């Protein structure tokens, strides 16, 4: 039997940023394509692309914000209640890693 417990081995293995965020890539790509839109507009984009209903897409946006993959700012429009969303530098890094990985496997 191995001297390390299963939990100790799991804590030593840290997934790469690309693998860690793999399930979020579709939402990040859509957010990057629609830079500086309102939260409501991004929810509609996510919904139209089959990423869930209204509530699920709003939760996804806030989850991405908590993971520092999206930046939510006070809106610059007439309605100050509406916040705008843009991708963060960490998201740009994850998408660049995805591009490099896809280039390396020659798809």
PDB file of N, CA and C in Angstrom:
ATOM      1  N   UNK A   1       0.844  -1.184   0.000  1.00  0.00           N
ATOM      2  CA  UNK A   1       0.000   0.000   0.000  1.00  0.00           C
ATOM      3  C   UNK A   1       0.879   1.232   0.000  1.00  0.00           C
ATOM      4  N   UNK A   2       0.448   2.222  -0.652  1.00  0.00           N
ATOM      5  CA  UNK A   2       1.167   3.472  -0.766  1.00  0.00           C
ATOM      6  C   UNK A   2       1.143   4.215   0.563  1.00  0.00           C
ATOM      7  N   UNK A   3       2.245   4.904   0.890  1.00  0.00           N
ATOM      8  CA  UNK A   3       2.305   5.616   2.170  1.00  0.00           C
ATOM      9  C   UNK A   3       1.440   6.872   2.166  1.00  0.00           C
ATOM     10  N   UNK A   4       1.136   7.402   0.985  1.00  0.00           N
ATOM     11  CA  UNK A   4       0.281   8.586   0.906  1.00  0.00           C
ATOM     12  C   UNK A   4      -1.177   8.180   0.821  1.00  0.00           C
ATOM     13  N   UNK A   5      -1.988   8.857   1.566  1.00  0.00           N
ATOM     14  CA  UNK A   5      -3.419   8.579   1.484  1.00  0.00           C
ATOM     15  C   UNK A   5      -3.972   9.151   0.190  1.00  0.00           C
ATOM     16  N   UNK A   6      -5.154   8.748  -0.148  1.00  0.00           N
ATOM     17  CA  UNK A   6      -5.797   9.225  -1.379  1.00  0.00           C
ATOM     18  C   UNK A   6      -5.981  10.735  -1.346  1.00  0.00           C
ATOM     19  N   UNK A   7      -6.381  11.283  -0.213  1.00  0.00           N
ATOM     20  CA  UNK A   7      -6.579  12.734  -0.121  1.00  0.00           C
ATOM     21  C   UNK A   7      -5.255  13.490  -0.234  1.00  0.00           C
ATOM     22  N   UNK A   8      -4.174  12.918   0.290  1.00  0.00           N
ATOM     23  CA  UNK A   8      -2.867  13.563   0.192  1.00  0.00           C
ATOM     24  C   UNK A   8      -2.390  13.584  -1.257  1.00  0.00           C
ATOM     25  N   UNK A   9      -2.613  12.485  -1.977  1.00  0.00           N
ATOM     26  CA  UNK A   9      -2.231  12.447  -3.390  1.00  0.00           C
ATOM     27  C   UNK A   9      -3.062  13.425  -4.201  1.00  0.00           C
ATOM     28  N   UNK A  10      -4.346  13.512  -3.893  1.00  0.00           N
ATOM     29  CA  UNK A  10      -5.220  14.430  -4.619  1.00  0.00           C
ATOM     30  C   UNK A  10      -4.818  15.875  -4.378  1.00  0.00           C
ATOM     31  N   UNK A  11      -4.371  16.186  -3.180  1.00  0.00           N
ATOM     32  CA  UNK A  11      -3.974  17.566  -2.893  1.00  0.00           C
ATOM     33  C   UNK A  11      -2.649  17.908  -3.571  1.00  0.00           C
ATOM     34  N   UNK A  12      -1.801  16.904  -3.826  1.00  0.00           N
ATOM     35  CA  UNK A  12      -0.533  17.160  -4.508  1.00  0.00           C
ATOM     36  C   UNK A  12      -0.727  17.387  -5.999  1.00  0.00           C
ATOM     37  N   UNK A  13      -1.742  16.783  -6.583  1.00  0.00           N
ATOM     38  CA  UNK A  13      -2.002  16.924  -8.010  1.00  0.00           C
ATOM     39  C   UNK A  13      -2.856  18.153  -8.250  1.00  0.00           C
ATOM     40  N   UNK A  14      -2.271  19.164  -8.847  1.00  0.00           N
ATOM     41  CA  UNK A  14      -3.025  20.372  -9.179  1.00  0.00           C
ATOM     42  C   UNK A  14      -3.241  20.381 -10.679  1.00  0.00           C
ATOM     43  N   UNK A  15      -4.486  20.470 -11.108  1.00  0.00           N
ATOM     44  CA  UNK A  15      -4.719  20.478 -12.556  1.00  0.00           C
ATOM     45  C   UNK A  15      -4.206  21.765 -13.182  1.00  0.00           C
ATOM     46  N   UNK A  16      -3.827  21.656 -14.439  1.00  0.00           N
ATOM     47  CA  UNK A  16      -3.385  22.824 -15.182  1.00  0.00           C
ATOM     48  C   UNK A  16      -4.573  23.776 -15.325  1.00  0.00           C
ATOM     49  N   UNK A  17      -4.317  25.077 -15.475  1.00  0.00           N
ATOM     50  CA  UNK A  17      -5.422  26.032 -15.593  1.00  0.00           C
ATOM     51  C   UNK A  17      -6.381  25.704 -16.731  1.00  0.00           C
ATOM     52  N   UNK A  18      -5.850  25.219 -17.855  1.00  0.00           N
ATOM     53  CA  UNK A  18      -6.719  24.902 -18.979  1.00  0.00           C
ATOM     54  C   UNK A  18      -7.657  23.748 -18.635  1.00  0.00           C
ATOM     55  N   UNK A  19      -7.143  22.715 -18.018  1.00  0.00           N
ATOM     56  CA  UNK A  19      -7.963  21.554 -17.654  1.00  0.00           C
ATOM     57  C   UNK A  19      -8.931  21.925 -16.544  1.00  0.00           C
ATOM     58  N   UNK A  20      -8.477  22.750 -15.631  1.00  0.00           N
ATOM     59  CA  UNK A  20      -9.318  23.141 -14.500  1.00  0.00           C
ATOM     60  C   UNK A  20     -10.547  23.931 -14.962  1.00  0.00           C
ATOM     61  N   UNK A  21     -10.417  24.694 -16.047  1.00  0.00           N
ATOM     62  CA  UNK A  21     -11.514  25.522 -16.538  1.00  0.00           C
ATOM     63  C   UNK A  21     -12.132  24.983 -17.825  1.00  0.00           C
ATOM     64  N   UNK A  22     -11.870  23.746 -18.151  1.00  0.00           N
ATOM     65  CA  UNK A  22     -12.319  23.187 -19.422  1.00  0.00           C
ATOM     66  C   UNK A  22     -13.839  23.248 -19.581  1.00  0.00           C
ATOM     67  N   UNK A  23     -14.574  22.982 -18.521  1.00  0.00           N
ATOM     68  CA  UNK A  23     -16.035  22.990 -18.606  1.00  0.00           C
ATOM     69  C   UNK A  23     -16.610  24.400 -18.752  1.00  0.00           C
ATOM     70  N   UNK A  24     -15.786  25.420 -18.511  1.00  0.00           N
ATOM     71  CA  UNK A  24     -16.240  26.800 -18.621  1.00  0.00           C
ATOM     72  C   UNK A  24     -15.859  27.450 -19.948  1.00  0.00           C
ATOM     73  N   UNK A  25     -15.094  26.750 -20.775  1.00  0.00           N
ATOM     74  CA  UNK A  25     -14.586  27.315 -22.026  1.00  0.00           C
ATOM     75  C   UNK A  25     -15.695  27.847 -22.932  1.00  0.00           C
ATOM     76  N   UNK A  26     -16.808  27.122 -23.149  1.00  0.00           N
ATOM     77  CA  UNK A  26     -17.850  27.680 -24.035  1.00  0.00           C
ATOM     78  C   UNK A  26     -18.373  29.035 -23.556  1.00  0.00           C
ATOM     79  N   UNK A  27     -18.609  29.174 -22.261  1.00  0.00           N
ATOM     80  CA  UNK A  27     -19.099  30.450 -21.733  1.00  0.00           C
ATOM     81  C   UNK A  27     -18.040  31.542 -21.860  1.00  0.00           C
ATOM     82  N   UNK A  28     -16.774  31.189 -21.658  1.00  0.00           N
ATOM     83  CA  UNK A  28     -15.706  32.173 -21.772  1.00  0.00           C
ATOM     84  C   UNK A  28     -15.531  32.637 -23.214  1.00  0.00           C
ATOM     85  N   UNK A  29     -15.647  31.714 -24.159  1.00  0.00           N
ATOM     86  CA  UNK A  29     -15.530  32.085 -25.571  1.00  0.00           C
ATOM     87  C   UNK A  29     -16.663  33.029 -25.965  1.00  0.00           C
ATOM     88  N   UNK A  30     -17.880  32.726 -25.524  1.00  0.00           N
ATOM     89  CA  UNK A  30     -19.019  33.597 -25.832  1.00  0.00           C
ATOM     90  C   UNK A  30     -18.856  34.966 -25.185  1.00  0.00           C
ATOM     91  N   UNK A  31     -18.359  34.997 -23.955  1.00  0.00           N
ATOM     92  CA  UNK A  31     -18.137  36.284 -23.284  1.00  0.00           C
ATOM     93  C   UNK A  31     -17.047  37.088 -23.997  1.00  0.00           C
ATOM     94  N   UNK A  32     -16.027  36.399 -24.510  1.00  0.00           N
ATOM     95  CA  UNK A  32     -14.961  37.095 -25.235  1.00  0.00           C
ATOM     96  C   UNK A  32     -15.470  37.648 -26.563  1.00  0.00           C
ATOM     97  N   UNK A  33     -16.374  36.928 -27.206  1.00  0.00           N
ATOM     98  CA  UNK A  33     -16.932  37.399 -28.467  1.00  0.00           C
ATOM     99  C   UNK A  33     -17.831  38.608 -28.275  1.00  0.00           C
ATOM    100  N   UNK A  34     -18.442  38.722 -27.113  1.00  0.00           N
ATOM    101  CA  UNK A  34     -19.378  39.814 -26.825  1.00  0.00           C
ATOM    102  C   UNK A  34     -18.823  40.667 -25.687  1.00  0.00           C
ATOM    103  N   UNK A  35     -17.659  41.226 -25.915  1.00  0.00           N
ATOM    104  CA  UNK A  35     -16.955  42.019 -24.904  1.00  0.00           C
ATOM    105  C   UNK A  35     -17.748  43.276 -24.544  1.00  0.00           C
ATOM    106  N   UNK A  36     -17.777  43.616 -23.267  1.00  0.00           N
ATOM    107  CA  UNK A  36     -18.403  44.832 -22.733  1.00  0.00           C
ATOM    108  C   UNK A  36     -19.893  44.928 -23.026  1.00  0.00           C
ATOM    109  N   UNK A  37     -20.603  43.856 -22.787  1.00  0.00           N
ATOM    110  CA  UNK A  37     -22.061  43.886 -22.889  1.00  0.00           C
ATOM    111  C   UNK A  37     -22.629  43.894 -21.481  1.00  0.00           C
ATOM    112  N   UNK A  38     -23.911  44.136 -21.377  1.00  0.00           N
ATOM    113  CA  UNK A  38     -24.543  44.106 -20.056  1.00  0.00           C
ATOM    114  C   UNK A  38     -24.740  42.659 -19.625  1.00  0.00           C
ATOM    115  N   UNK A  39     -24.989  42.478 -18.337  1.00  0.00           N
ATOM    116  CA  UNK A  39     -25.238  41.132 -17.822  1.00  0.00           C
ATOM    117  C   UNK A  39     -26.450  40.524 -18.514  1.00  0.00           C
ATOM    118  N   UNK A  40     -27.503  41.305 -18.711  1.00  0.00           N
ATOM    119  CA  UNK A  40     -28.712  40.801 -19.366  1.00  0.00           C
ATOM    120  C   UNK A  40     -28.431  40.352 -20.794  1.00  0.00           C
ATOM    121  N   UNK A  41     -27.612  41.113 -21.497  1.00  0.00           N
ATOM    122  CA  UNK A  41     -27.269  40.735 -22.876  1.00  0.00           C
ATOM    123  C   UNK A  41     -26.432  39.463 -22.902  1.00  0.00           C
ATOM    124  N   UNK A  42     -25.495  39.327 -21.966  1.00  0.00           N
ATOM    125  CA  UNK A  42     -24.686  38.115 -21.912  1.00  0.00           C
ATOM    126  C   UNK A  42     -25.534  36.905 -21.533  1.00  0.00           C
ATOM    127  N   UNK A  43     -26.507  37.108 -20.647  1.00  0.00           N
ATOM    128  CA  UNK A  43     -27.432  36.014 -20.301  1.00  0.00           C
ATOM    129  C   UNK A  43     -28.166  35.543 -21.551  1.00  0.00           C
ATOM    130  N   UNK A  44     -28.633  36.482 -22.356  1.00  0.00           N
ATOM    131  CA  UNK A  44     -29.342  36.109 -23.588  1.00  0.00           C
ATOM    132  C   UNK A  44     -28.427  35.367 -24.558  1.00  0.00           C
ATOM    133  N   UNK A  45     -27.186  35.802 -24.680  1.00  0.00           N
ATOM    134  CA  UNK A  45     -26.226  35.122 -25.560  1.00  0.00           C
ATOM    135  C   UNK A  45     -25.998  33.696 -25.077  1.00  0.00           C
ATOM    136  N   UNK A  46     -25.808  33.531 -23.777  1.00  0.00           N
ATOM    137  CA  UNK A  46     -25.589  32.196 -23.224  1.00  0.00           C
ATOM    138  C   UNK A  46     -26.811  31.309 -23.418  1.00  0.00           C
ATOM    139  N   UNK A  47     -27.993  31.878 -23.217  1.00  0.00           N
ATOM    140  CA  UNK A  47     -29.230  31.115 -23.403  1.00  0.00           C
ATOM    141  C   UNK A  47     -29.416  30.692 -24.854  1.00  0.00           C
ATOM    142  N   UNK A  48     -29.185  31.618 -25.792  1.00  0.00           N
ATOM    143  CA  UNK A  48     -29.350  31.309 -27.216  1.00  0.00           C
ATOM    144  C   UNK A  48     -28.385  30.223 -27.669  1.00  0.00           C
ATOM    145  N   UNK A  49     -27.264  30.082 -26.972  1.00  0.00           N
ATOM    146  CA  UNK A  49     -26.277  29.073 -27.332  1.00  0.00           C
ATOM    147  C   UNK A  49     -26.406  27.797 -26.504  1.00  0.00           C
ATOM    148  N   UNK A  50     -27.521  27.655 -25.804  1.00  0.00           N
ATOM    149  CA  UNK A  50     -27.836  26.398 -25.126  1.00  0.00           C
ATOM    150  C   UNK A  50     -27.097  26.128 -23.834  1.00  0.00           C
ATOM    151  N   UNK A  51     -26.699  27.162 -23.115  1.00  0.00           N
ATOM    152  CA  UNK A  51     -25.991  26.944 -21.854  1.00  0.00           C
ATOM    153  C   UNK A  51     -26.906  26.998 -20.639  1.00  0.00           C
ATOM    154  N   UNK A  52     -28.204  26.936 -20.848  1.00  0.00           N
ATOM    155  CA  UNK A  52     -29.138  26.889 -19.730  1.00  0.00           C
ATOM    156  C   UNK A  52     -30.200  27.947 -19.820  1.00  0.00           C
ATOM    157  N   UNK A  53     -31.021  27.985 -18.792  1.00  0.00           N
ATOM    158  CA  UNK A  53     -32.075  28.981 -18.712  1.00  0.00           C
ATOM    159  C   UNK A  53     -31.562  30.273 -18.109  1.00  0.00           C
ATOM    160  N   UNK A  54     -32.477  31.187 -17.868  1.00  0.00           N
ATOM    161  CA  UNK A  54     -32.127  32.503 -17.365  1.00  0.00           C
ATOM    162  C   UNK A  54     -31.389  32.425 -16.032  1.00  0.00           C
ATOM    163  N   UNK A  55     -31.952  31.691 -15.090  1.00  0.00           N
ATOM    164  CA  UNK A  55     -31.350  31.607 -13.761  1.00  0.00           C
ATOM    165  C   UNK A  55     -29.994  30.906 -13.794  1.00  0.00           C
ATOM    166  N   UNK A  56     -29.890  29.831 -14.566  1.00  0.00           N
ATOM    167  CA  UNK A  56     -28.625  29.099 -14.668  1.00  0.00           C
ATOM    168  C   UNK A  56     -27.532  29.959 -15.301  1.00  0.00           C
ATOM    169  N   UNK A  57     -27.892  30.737 -16.303  1.00  0.00           N
ATOM    170  CA  UNK A  57     -26.900  31.602 -16.965  1.00  0.00           C
ATOM    171  C   UNK A  57     -26.451  32.731 -16.049  1.00  0.00           C
ATOM    172  N   UNK A  58     -27.377  33.277 -15.266  1.00  0.00           N
ATOM    173  CA  UNK A  58     -26.977  34.319 -14.304  1.00  0.00           C
ATOM    174  C   UNK A  58     -26.044  33.744 -13.246  1.00  0.00           C
ATOM    175  N   UNK A  59     -26.347  32.534 -12.774  1.00  0.00           N
ATOM    176  CA  UNK A  59     -25.462  31.881 -11.809  1.00  0.00           C
ATOM    177  C   UNK A  59     -24.096  31.604 -12.414  1.00  0.00           C
ATOM    178  N   UNK A  60     -24.082  31.204 -13.690  1.00  0.00           N
ATOM    179  CA  UNK A  60     -22.824  30.949 -14.379  1.00  0.00           C
ATOM    180  C   UNK A  60     -21.981  32.224 -14.466  1.00  0.00           C
ATOM    181  N   UNK A  61     -22.619  33.327 -14.780  1.00  0.00           N
ATOM    182  CA  UNK A  61     -21.898  34.607 -14.865  1.00  0.00           C
ATOM    183  C   UNK A  61     -21.309  34.981 -13.507  1.00  0.00           C
ATOM    184  N   UNK A  62     -22.072  34.817 -12.449  1.00  0.00           N
ATOM    185  CA  UNK A  62     -21.562  35.165 -11.121  1.00  0.00           C
ATOM    186  C   UNK A  62     -20.481  34.190 -10.663  1.00  0.00           C
ATOM    187  N   UNK A  63     -20.594  32.929 -11.085  1.00  0.00           N
ATOM    188  CA  UNK A  63     -19.541  31.963 -10.772  1.00  0.00           C
ATOM    189  C   UNK A  63     -18.247  32.343 -11.493  1.00  0.00           C
ATOM    190  N   UNK A  64     -18.351  32.722 -12.754  1.00  0.00           N
ATOM    191  CA  UNK A  64     -17.174  33.163 -13.496  1.00  0.00           C
ATOM    192  C   UNK A  64     -16.558  34.411 -12.871  1.00  0.00           C
ATOM    193  N   UNK A  65     -17.397  35.270 -12.340  1.00  0.00           N
ATOM    194  CA  UNK A  65     -16.907  36.466 -11.648  1.00  0.00           C
ATOM    195  C   UNK A  65     -16.152  36.077 -10.375  1.00  0.00           C
ATOM    196  N   UNK A  66     -16.701  35.138  -9.608  1.00  0.00           N
ATOM    197  CA  UNK A  66     -16.028  34.683  -8.382  1.00  0.00           C
ATOM    198  C   UNK A  66     -14.691  34.018  -8.683  1.00  0.00           C
ATOM    199  N   UNK A  67     -14.581  33.360  -9.833  1.00  0.00           N
ATOM    200  CA  UNK A  67     -13.334  32.709 -10.237  1.00  0.00           C
ATOM    201  C   UNK A  67     -12.358  33.682 -10.904  1.00  0.00           C
ATOM    202  N   UNK A  68     -12.707  34.957 -10.924  1.00  0.00           N
ATOM    203  CA  UNK A  68     -11.897  36.019 -11.547  1.00  0.00           C
ATOM    204  C   UNK A  68     -11.712  35.801 -13.046  1.00  0.00           C
ATOM    205  N   UNK A  69     -12.711  35.205 -13.689  1.00  0.00           N
ATOM    206  CA  UNK A  69     -12.668  35.019 -15.130  1.00  0.00           C
ATOM    207  C   UNK A  69     -13.484  36.085 -15.850  1.00  0.00           C
ATOM    208  N   UNK A  70     -14.388  36.731 -15.139  1.00  0.00           N
ATOM    209  CA  UNK A  70     -15.162  37.846 -15.680  1.00  0.00           C
ATOM    210  C   UNK A  70     -15.046  39.025 -14.725  1.00  0.00           C
ATOM    211  N   UNK A  71     -15.076  40.214 -15.294  1.00  0.00           N
ATOM    212  CA  UNK A  71     -15.065  41.445 -14.499  1.00  0.00           C
ATOM    213  C   UNK A  71     -16.420  42.111 -14.693  1.00  0.00           C
ATOM    214  N   UNK A  72     -17.098  42.377 -13.593  1.00  0.00           N
ATOM    215  CA  UNK A  72     -18.397  43.045 -13.639  1.00  0.00           C
ATOM    216  C   UNK A  72     -18.190  44.473 -13.155  1.00  0.00           C
ATOM    217  N   UNK A  73     -18.579  45.433 -14.009  1.00  0.00           N
ATOM    218  CA  UNK A  73     -18.377  46.848 -13.704  1.00  0.00           C
ATOM    219  C   UNK A  73     -19.702  47.580 -13.706  1.00  0.00           C
ATOM    220  N   UNK A  74     -19.736  48.710 -13.045  1.00  0.00           N
ATOM    221  CA  UNK A  74     -20.920  49.563 -13.074  1.00  0.00           C
ATOM    222  C   UNK A  74     -21.094  50.034 -14.503  1.00  0.00           C
ATOM    223  N   UNK A  75     -22.316  49.983 -14.980  1.00  0.00           N
ATOM    224  CA  UNK A  75     -22.586  50.331 -16.371  1.00  0.00           C
ATOM    225  C   UNK A  75     -22.275  51.775 -16.707  1.00  0.00           C
ATOM    226  N   UNK A  76     -21.863  51.986 -17.920  1.00  0.00           N
ATOM    227  CA  UNK A  76     -21.564  53.326 -18.412  1.00  0.00           C
ATOM    228  C   UNK A  76     -22.736  53.897 -19.200  1.00  0.00           C
ATOM    229  N   UNK A  77     -23.837  53.202 -19.196  1.00  0.00           N
ATOM    230  CA  UNK A  77     -24.994  53.613 -19.995  1.00  0.00           C
ATOM    231  C   UNK A  77     -25.914  54.509 -19.186  1.00  0.00           C
ATOM    232  N   UNK A  78     -27.065  54.809 -19.746  1.00  0.00           N
ATOM    233  CA  UNK A  78     -28.036  55.665 -19.069  1.00  0.00           C
ATOM    234  C   UNK A  78     -28.537  55.030 -17.772  1.00  0.00           C
ATOM    235  N   UNK A  79     -28.771  53.727 -17.806  1.00  0.00           N
ATOM    236  CA  UNK A  79     -29.279  53.023 -16.639  1.00  0.00           C
ATOM    237  C   UNK A  79     -28.096  52.538 -15.800  1.00  0.00           C
ATOM    238  N   UNK A  80     -27.828  53.179 -14.688  1.00  0.00           N
ATOM    239  CA  UNK A  80     -26.682  52.845 -13.838  1.00  0.00           C
ATOM    240  C   UNK A  80     -26.852  51.499 -13.135  1.00  0.00           C
ATOM    241  N   UNK A  81     -28.087  50.973 -13.083  1.00  0.00           N
ATOM    242  CA  UNK A  81     -28.302  49.679 -12.437  1.00  0.00           C
ATOM    243  C   UNK A  81     -27.753  48.536 -13.268  1.00  0.00           C
ATOM    244  N   UNK A  82     -27.737  48.709 -14.563  1.00  0.00           N
ATOM    245  CA  UNK A  82     -27.252  47.650 -15.451  1.00  0.00           C
ATOM    246  C   UNK A  82     -25.729  47.632 -15.448  1.00  0.00           C
ATOM    247  N   UNK A  83     -25.159  46.480 -15.132  1.00  0.00           N
ATOM    248  CA  UNK A  83     -23.711  46.349 -15.051  1.00  0.00           C
ATOM    249  C   UNK A  83     -23.169  45.740 -16.334  1.00  0.00           C
ATOM    250  N   UNK A  84     -21.964  46.120 -16.690  1.00  0.00           N
ATOM    251  CA  UNK A  84     -21.346  45.558 -17.884  1.00  0.00           C
ATOM    252  C   UNK A  84     -20.370  44.455 -17.492  1.00  0.00           C
ATOM    253  N   UNK A  85     -20.129  43.567 -18.437  1.00  0.00           N
ATOM    254  CA  UNK A  85     -19.287  42.404 -18.199  1.00  0.00           C
ATOM    255  C   UNK A  85     -18.176  42.401 -19.236  1.00  0.00           C
ATOM    256  N   UNK A  86     -16.953  42.116 -18.782  1.00  0.00           N
ATOM    257  CA  UNK A  86     -15.841  41.928 -19.710  1.00  0.00           C
ATOM    258  C   UNK A  86     -14.970  40.797 -19.180  1.00  0.00           C
ATOM    259  N   UNK A  87     -14.176  40.222 -20.068  1.00  0.00           N
ATOM    260  CA  UNK A  87     -13.316  39.127 -19.636  1.00  0.00           C
ATOM    261  C   UNK A  87     -12.087  39.684 -18.935  1.00  0.00           C
ATOM    262  N   UNK A  88     -11.517  38.875 -18.058  1.00  0.00           N
ATOM    263  CA  UNK A  88     -10.348  39.300 -17.288  1.00  0.00           C
ATOM    264  C   UNK A  88      -9.065  38.871 -17.993  1.00  0.00           C
ATOM    265  N   UNK A  89      -7.947  39.300 -17.456  1.00  0.00           N
ATOM    266  CA  UNK A  89      -6.657  38.894 -18.015  1.00  0.00           C
ATOM    267  C   UNK A  89      -6.431  37.393 -17.828  1.00  0.00           C
ATOM    268  N   UNK A  90      -6.971  36.826 -16.748  1.00  0.00           N
ATOM    269  CA  UNK A  90      -6.861  35.384 -16.539  1.00  0.00           C
ATOM    270  C   UNK A  90      -7.614  34.619 -17.630  1.00  0.00           C
ATOM    271  N   UNK A  91      -8.756  35.144 -18.051  1.00  0.00           N
ATOM    272  CA  UNK A  91      -9.506  34.517 -19.133  1.00  0.00           C
ATOM    273  C   UNK A  91      -8.726  34.594 -20.431  1.00  0.00           C
ATOM    274  N   UNK A  92      -8.115  35.725 -20.690  1.00  0.00           N
ATOM    275  CA  UNK A  92      -7.288  35.848 -21.898  1.00  0.00           C
ATOM    276  C   UNK A  92      -6.155  34.826 -21.878  1.00  0.00           C
ATOM    277  N   UNK A  93      -5.589  34.585 -20.703  1.00  0.00           N
ATOM    278  CA  UNK A  93      -4.516  33.608 -20.572  1.00  0.00           C
ATOM    279  C   UNK A  93      -5.043  32.190 -20.822  1.00  0.00           C
ATOM    280  N   UNK A  94      -6.198  31.867 -20.260  1.00  0.00           N
ATOM    281  CA  UNK A  94      -6.792  30.531 -20.456  1.00  0.00           C
ATOM    282  C   UNK A  94      -7.114  30.312 -21.931  1.00  0.00           C
ATOM    283  N   UNK A  95      -7.674  31.326 -22.592  1.00  0.00           N
ATOM    284  CA  UNK A  95      -8.011  31.187 -24.011  1.00  0.00           C
ATOM    285  C   UNK A  95      -6.754  31.095 -24.872  1.00  0.00           C
ATOM    286  N   UNK A  96      -5.691  31.790 -24.487  1.00  0.00           N
ATOM    287  CA  UNK A  96      -4.422  31.684 -25.216  1.00  0.00           C
ATOM    288  C   UNK A  96      -3.834  30.283 -25.056  1.00  0.00           C
ATOM    289  N   UNK A  97      -3.934  29.717 -23.851  1.00  0.00           N
ATOM    290  CA  UNK A  97      -3.465  28.349 -23.625  1.00  0.00           C
ATOM    291  C   UNK A  97      -4.282  27.357 -24.443  1.00  0.00           C
ATOM    292  N   UNK A  98      -5.585  27.595 -24.552  1.00  0.00           N
ATOM    293  CA  UNK A  98      -6.441  26.731 -25.356  1.00  0.00           C
ATOM    294  C   UNK A  98      -6.022  26.798 -26.822  1.00  0.00           C
ATOM    295  N   UNK A  99      -5.787  27.993 -27.317  1.00  0.00           N
ATOM    296  CA  UNK A  99      -5.349  28.158 -28.709  1.00  0.00           C
ATOM    297  C   UNK A  99      -4.019  27.439 -28.947  1.00  0.00           C
ATOM    298  N   UNK A 100      -3.072  27.605 -28.045  1.00  0.00           N
ATOM    299  CA  UNK A 100      -1.769  26.954 -28.190  1.00  0.00           C
ATOM    300  C   UNK A 100      -1.909  25.432 -28.149  1.00  0.00           C
ATOM    301  N   UNK A 101      -2.772  24.950 -27.263  1.00  0.00           N
ATOM    302  CA  UNK A 101      -2.979  23.501 -27.164  1.00  0.00           C
ATOM    303  C   UNK A 101      -3.606  22.953 -28.438  1.00  0.00           C
ATOM    304  N   UNK A 102      -4.621  23.633 -28.963  1.00  0.00           N
ATOM    305  CA  UNK A 102      -5.260  23.169 -30.187  1.00  0.00           C
ATOM    306  C   UNK A 102      -4.302  23.235 -31.376  1.00  0.00           C
ATOM    307  N   UNK A 103      -3.437  24.245 -31.402  1.00  0.00           N
ATOM    308  CA  UNK A 103      -2.409  24.327 -32.452  1.00  0.00           C
ATOM    309  C   UNK A 103      -1.418  23.188 -32.343  1.00  0.00           C
ATOM    310  N   UNK A 104      -1.105  22.794 -31.117  1.00  0.00           N
ATOM    311  CA  UNK A 104      -0.101  21.736 -30.913  1.00  0.00           C
ATOM    312  C   UNK A 104      -0.614  20.367 -31.348  1.00  0.00           C
ATOM    313  N   UNK A 105      -1.925  20.161 -31.298  1.00  0.00           N
ATOM    314  CA  UNK A 105      -2.445  18.860 -31.733  1.00  0.00           C
ATOM    315  C   UNK A 105      -2.939  18.905 -33.177  1.00  0.00           C
ATOM    316  N   UNK A 106      -2.710  20.009 -33.840  1.00  0.00           N
ATOM    317  CA  UNK A 106      -2.976  20.178 -35.271  1.00  0.00           C
ATOM    318  C   UNK A 106      -4.406  19.798 -35.666  1.00  0.00           C
ATOM    319  N   UNK A 107      -5.360  20.469 -35.069  1.00  0.00           N
ATOM    320  CA  UNK A 107      -6.755  20.241 -35.450  1.00  0.00           C
ATOM    321  C   UNK A 107      -7.135  21.090 -36.624  1.00  0.00           C
TER     322      UNK A 107
END
